[in-house]
Amino acid sequence: MNRLELGWSQERLAFASGLCVRTISAVECGTANPTSDVIESLVWALGVPASRLVG
């Protein structure tokens, strides 16, 4: 499940994951490579396996 499938804004995902909106935007736009900590935060917030995010 991704944030759009959940109907979440970038702000909602940032809040749920403990990340800043700027980080969410940069990862989604491909202007930043997420660290393992960022991936872990997104996995926890979205409830998906890491392979879903990086695959």
N, C-alpha and C. Protein backbone atom coordinates (compact mmCIF):
# COMPACT_ATOMS: atom_id res chain seq x y z
N MET A 1 0.85 -1.17 0.00
CA MET A 1 0.00 0.00 0.00
C MET A 1 0.90 1.23 0.00
N ASN A 2 0.60 2.20 -0.84
CA ASN A 2 1.35 3.46 -0.82
C ASN A 2 0.46 4.56 -0.27
N ARG A 3 1.02 5.73 -0.10
CA ARG A 3 0.25 6.80 0.54
C ARG A 3 -0.96 7.21 -0.29
N LEU A 4 -0.84 7.16 -1.62
CA LEU A 4 -1.97 7.54 -2.47
C LEU A 4 -3.10 6.51 -2.37
N GLU A 5 -2.75 5.24 -2.29
CA GLU A 5 -3.77 4.20 -2.12
C GLU A 5 -4.49 4.36 -0.78
N LEU A 6 -3.79 4.89 0.20
CA LEU A 6 -4.39 5.15 1.51
C LEU A 6 -5.17 6.46 1.54
N GLY A 7 -4.97 7.29 0.51
CA GLY A 7 -5.60 8.59 0.48
C GLY A 7 -4.90 9.60 1.38
N TRP A 8 -3.62 9.35 1.65
CA TRP A 8 -2.84 10.21 2.54
C TRP A 8 -2.11 11.30 1.76
N SER A 9 -2.03 12.46 2.35
CA SER A 9 -1.18 13.53 1.82
C SER A 9 0.25 13.27 2.26
N GLN A 10 1.17 14.02 1.69
CA GLN A 10 2.56 13.92 2.14
C GLN A 10 2.66 14.34 3.60
N GLU A 11 1.87 15.30 4.00
CA GLU A 11 1.87 15.75 5.39
C GLU A 11 1.43 14.64 6.33
N ARG A 12 0.40 13.89 5.95
CA ARG A 12 -0.10 12.79 6.78
C ARG A 12 0.96 11.70 6.91
N LEU A 13 1.62 11.35 5.80
CA LEU A 13 2.66 10.34 5.85
C LEU A 13 3.84 10.82 6.68
N ALA A 14 4.19 12.09 6.55
CA ALA A 14 5.28 12.64 7.35
C ALA A 14 4.95 12.51 8.84
N PHE A 15 3.74 12.85 9.22
CA PHE A 15 3.33 12.75 10.62
C PHE A 15 3.38 11.30 11.10
N ALA A 16 2.83 10.38 10.29
CA ALA A 16 2.77 8.97 10.68
C ALA A 16 4.15 8.33 10.77
N SER A 17 5.08 8.79 9.96
CA SER A 17 6.41 8.18 9.92
C SER A 17 7.44 8.92 10.77
N GLY A 18 7.10 10.12 11.22
CA GLY A 18 8.06 10.90 12.00
C GLY A 18 9.11 11.58 11.12
N LEU A 19 8.86 11.62 9.83
CA LEU A 19 9.78 12.27 8.89
C LEU A 19 9.24 13.65 8.54
N CYS A 20 10.06 14.47 7.92
CA CYS A 20 9.58 15.78 7.49
C CYS A 20 9.01 15.67 6.07
N VAL A 21 8.13 16.59 5.75
CA VAL A 21 7.49 16.61 4.44
C VAL A 21 8.53 16.73 3.33
N ARG A 22 9.57 17.50 3.58
CA ARG A 22 10.62 17.69 2.59
C ARG A 22 11.29 16.36 2.24
N THR A 23 11.49 15.50 3.23
CA THR A 23 12.08 14.18 2.99
C THR A 23 11.14 13.31 2.16
N ILE A 24 9.87 13.31 2.52
CA ILE A 24 8.87 12.53 1.77
C ILE A 24 8.86 12.98 0.31
N SER A 25 8.82 14.28 0.09
CA SER A 25 8.78 14.83 -1.26
C SER A 25 10.03 14.45 -2.05
N ALA A 26 11.20 14.59 -1.44
CA ALA A 26 12.46 14.28 -2.13
C ALA A 26 12.54 12.81 -2.52
N VAL A 27 12.09 11.93 -1.65
CA VAL A 27 12.11 10.49 -1.95
C VAL A 27 11.13 10.19 -3.09
N GLU A 28 9.93 10.75 -3.02
CA GLU A 28 8.93 10.50 -4.06
C GLU A 28 9.36 11.06 -5.42
N CYS A 29 10.02 12.20 -5.42
CA CYS A 29 10.47 12.82 -6.68
C CYS A 29 11.75 12.20 -7.22
N GLY A 30 12.40 11.40 -6.40
CA GLY A 30 13.64 10.77 -6.83
C GLY A 30 14.85 11.67 -6.73
N THR A 31 14.74 12.78 -6.00
CA THR A 31 15.87 13.68 -5.85
C THR A 31 16.74 13.33 -4.64
N ALA A 32 16.29 12.36 -3.85
CA ALA A 32 17.07 11.89 -2.71
C ALA A 32 16.91 10.39 -2.59
N ASN A 33 17.98 9.73 -2.25
CA ASN A 33 17.94 8.30 -1.99
C ASN A 33 17.67 8.10 -0.50
N PRO A 34 16.64 7.34 -0.16
CA PRO A 34 16.33 7.17 1.26
C PRO A 34 17.37 6.31 1.98
N THR A 35 17.68 6.69 3.19
CA THR A 35 18.56 5.88 4.03
C THR A 35 17.76 4.70 4.57
N SER A 36 18.43 3.76 5.17
CA SER A 36 17.73 2.61 5.76
C SER A 36 16.79 3.07 6.87
N ASP A 37 17.15 4.13 7.60
CA ASP A 37 16.27 4.66 8.65
C ASP A 37 14.99 5.23 8.06
N VAL A 38 15.10 5.92 6.94
CA VAL A 38 13.92 6.48 6.28
C VAL A 38 13.03 5.35 5.78
N ILE A 39 13.62 4.35 5.16
CA ILE A 39 12.84 3.20 4.68
C ILE A 39 12.13 2.52 5.85
N GLU A 40 12.83 2.33 6.94
CA GLU A 40 12.22 1.70 8.12
C GLU A 40 11.04 2.51 8.63
N SER A 41 11.18 3.83 8.67
CA SER A 41 10.08 4.68 9.12
C SER A 41 8.88 4.59 8.19
N LEU A 42 9.12 4.56 6.89
CA LEU A 42 8.03 4.46 5.91
C LEU A 42 7.35 3.09 5.98
N VAL A 43 8.14 2.04 6.13
CA VAL A 43 7.60 0.69 6.25
C VAL A 43 6.67 0.61 7.45
N TRP A 44 7.13 1.14 8.56
CA TRP A 44 6.32 1.11 9.78
C TRP A 44 5.03 1.89 9.60
N ALA A 45 5.13 3.10 9.04
CA ALA A 45 3.95 3.96 8.87
C ALA A 45 2.94 3.38 7.89
N LEU A 46 3.43 2.79 6.79
CA LEU A 46 2.54 2.28 5.75
C LEU A 46 2.10 0.85 5.99
N GLY A 47 2.84 0.14 6.85
CA GLY A 47 2.47 -1.26 7.13
C GLY A 47 2.73 -2.19 5.97
N VAL A 48 3.83 -1.95 5.26
CA VAL A 48 4.19 -2.79 4.11
C VAL A 48 5.60 -3.32 4.30
N PRO A 49 5.95 -4.41 3.63
CA PRO A 49 7.33 -4.89 3.70
C PRO A 49 8.27 -3.95 2.94
N ALA A 50 9.50 -3.89 3.38
CA ALA A 50 10.49 -3.01 2.75
C ALA A 50 10.63 -3.31 1.27
N SER A 51 10.50 -4.58 0.88
CA SER A 51 10.64 -4.96 -0.53
C SER A 51 9.60 -4.24 -1.40
N ARG A 52 8.47 -3.90 -0.84
CA ARG A 52 7.43 -3.19 -1.58
C ARG A 52 7.87 -1.77 -1.90
N LEU A 53 8.63 -1.17 -0.99
CA LEU A 53 9.08 0.21 -1.21
C LEU A 53 10.27 0.30 -2.14
N VAL A 54 11.16 -0.66 -2.08
CA VAL A 54 12.38 -0.56 -2.86
C VAL A 54 12.36 -1.42 -4.11
N GLY A 55 11.32 -2.21 -4.28
CA GLY A 55 11.24 -3.12 -5.41
C GLY A 55 10.77 -2.52 -6.68
